[in-house]
Amino acid sequence: MAQREIDELLNNNKGKFFTLNELAKALSISKSSIARALRQMRKYSAIGFKEMTNAYGNARYVYGYEDKK
C-alpha cells in the first residue's frame, strides 16, 4: 500500500531526496509503514538511497530517484 504512494511522491520530485520522517509527514502514513515499504523497495533495488552523516556522526538514509537528464 505505502509503496505506491512513496513511488508517486518520489517520481513527482525527481532529484530530491527525503528522509523517512519527511516521507511519513508528506504522505500522512505511520513511520513504521514507511520503513517497511522502504526496506522492501531497497531490497529489490526499486528505489535510490544515499547514506548521510550529520555533525554528530549519526548515519541516516535519504531516499529518492536521481534526476537523469
C-alpha atoms as a PDB file:
ATOM      1  CA  MET A   1       0.000   0.000   0.000  1.00  0.00           C
ATOM      2  CA  ALA A   2       2.606   2.581   1.046  1.00  0.00           C
ATOM      3  CA  GLN A   3       4.994   1.579  -1.746  1.00  0.00           C
ATOM      4  CA  ARG A   4       2.745   3.065  -4.410  1.00  0.00           C
ATOM      5  CA  GLU A   5       2.412   6.375  -2.561  1.00  0.00           C
ATOM      6  CA  ILE A   6       6.163   6.576  -1.971  1.00  0.00           C
ATOM      7  CA  ASP A   7       6.845   5.819  -5.630  1.00  0.00           C
ATOM      8  CA  GLU A   8       4.406   8.511  -6.797  1.00  0.00           C
ATOM      9  CA  LEU A   9       5.870  11.141  -4.447  1.00  0.00           C
ATOM     10  CA  LEU A  10       9.450  10.393  -5.493  1.00  0.00           C
ATOM     11  CA  ASN A  11       8.554  10.329  -9.199  1.00  0.00           C
ATOM     12  CA  ASN A  12       6.972  13.765  -8.854  1.00  0.00           C
ATOM     13  CA  ASN A  13      10.102  15.076  -7.091  1.00  0.00           C
ATOM     14  CA  LYS A  14      12.954  13.556  -9.092  1.00  0.00           C
ATOM     15  CA  GLY A  15      16.375  14.733  -7.983  1.00  0.00           C
ATOM     16  CA  LYS A  16      15.172  15.476  -4.442  1.00  0.00           C
ATOM     17  CA  PHE A  17      15.900  13.096  -1.581  1.00  0.00           C
ATOM     18  CA  PHE A  18      13.714  12.620   1.511  1.00  0.00           C
ATOM     19  CA  THR A  19      14.311  11.161   4.952  1.00  0.00           C
ATOM     20  CA  LEU A  20      11.916   8.626   6.431  1.00  0.00           C
ATOM     21  CA  ASN A  21      10.380  11.324   8.659  1.00  0.00           C
ATOM     22  CA  GLU A  22       9.817  13.668   5.703  1.00  0.00           C
ATOM     23  CA  LEU A  23       8.127  10.891   3.721  1.00  0.00           C
ATOM     24  CA  ALA A  24       5.885   9.960   6.653  1.00  0.00           C
ATOM     25  CA  LYS A  25       4.838  13.574   7.162  1.00  0.00           C
ATOM     26  CA  ALA A  26       4.233  14.265   3.454  1.00  0.00           C
ATOM     27  CA  LEU A  27       2.161  11.114   2.962  1.00  0.00           C
ATOM     28  CA  SER A  28       0.405  11.056   6.371  1.00  0.00           C
ATOM     29  CA  ILE A  29       1.391   7.423   6.858  1.00  0.00           C
ATOM     30  CA  SER A  30       2.984   5.980  10.003  1.00  0.00           C
ATOM     31  CA  LYS A  31       6.777   5.774  10.173  1.00  0.00           C
ATOM     32  CA  SER A  32       6.687   2.008  10.655  1.00  0.00           C
ATOM     33  CA  SER A  33       4.661   1.510   7.459  1.00  0.00           C
ATOM     34  CA  ILE A  34       7.018   3.780   5.531  1.00  0.00           C
ATOM     35  CA  ALA A  35      10.073   1.968   6.956  1.00  0.00           C
ATOM     36  CA  ARG A  36       8.662  -1.430   5.987  1.00  0.00           C
ATOM     37  CA  ALA A  37       7.876  -0.261   2.453  1.00  0.00           C
ATOM     38  CA  LEU A  38      11.308   1.360   2.040  1.00  0.00           C
ATOM     39  CA  ARG A  39      13.038  -1.795   3.265  1.00  0.00           C
ATOM     40  CA  GLN A  40      11.258  -3.848   0.603  1.00  0.00           C
ATOM     41  CA  MET A  41      11.925  -1.270  -2.113  1.00  0.00           C
ATOM     42  CA  ARG A  42      15.635  -1.165  -1.210  1.00  0.00           C
ATOM     43  CA  LYS A  43      15.822  -4.970  -1.178  1.00  0.00           C
ATOM     44  CA  TYR A  44      14.646  -5.141  -4.789  1.00  0.00           C
ATOM     45  CA  SER A  45      16.538  -2.022  -5.954  1.00  0.00           C
ATOM     46  CA  ALA A  46      13.301  -0.212  -6.740  1.00  0.00           C
ATOM     47  CA  ILE A  47      14.454   2.991  -5.056  1.00  0.00           C
ATOM     48  CA  GLY A  48      17.594   5.077  -4.844  1.00  0.00           C
ATOM     49  CA  PHE A  49      19.128   5.860  -1.469  1.00  0.00           C
ATOM     50  CA  LYS A  50      22.198   7.532  -0.004  1.00  0.00           C
ATOM     51  CA  GLU A  51      23.752   7.318   3.427  1.00  0.00           C
ATOM     52  CA  MET A  52      24.221  10.736   5.001  1.00  0.00           C
ATOM     53  CA  THR A  53      26.011  11.510   8.253  1.00  0.00           C
ATOM     54  CA  ASN A  54      25.327  14.522  10.405  1.00  0.00           C
ATOM     55  CA  ALA A  55      27.776  16.545  12.508  1.00  0.00           C
ATOM     56  CA  TYR A  56      27.472  14.038  15.364  1.00  0.00           C
ATOM     57  CA  GLY A  57      28.469  11.087  13.189  1.00  0.00           C
ATOM     58  CA  ASN A  58      25.000   9.554  13.128  1.00  0.00           C
ATOM     59  CA  ALA A  59      24.153   7.924   9.829  1.00  0.00           C
ATOM     60  CA  ARG A  60      20.736   8.179   8.233  1.00  0.00           C
ATOM     61  CA  TYR A  61      19.438   7.275   4.829  1.00  0.00           C
ATOM     62  CA  VAL A  62      17.741   9.563   2.361  1.00  0.00           C
ATOM     63  CA  TYR A  63      15.604   8.158  -0.435  1.00  0.00           C
ATOM     64  CA  GLY A  64      14.760   9.368  -3.922  1.00  0.00           C
ATOM     65  CA  TYR A  65      15.255   8.974  -7.636  1.00  0.00           C
ATOM     66  CA  GLU A  66      18.159  10.538  -9.473  1.00  0.00           C
ATOM     67  CA  ASP A  67      17.194  13.219 -11.967  1.00  0.00           C
ATOM     68  CA  LYS A  68      18.608  11.838 -15.232  1.00  0.00           C
ATOM     69  CA  LYS A  69      18.773  14.446 -17.960  1.00  0.00           C
END
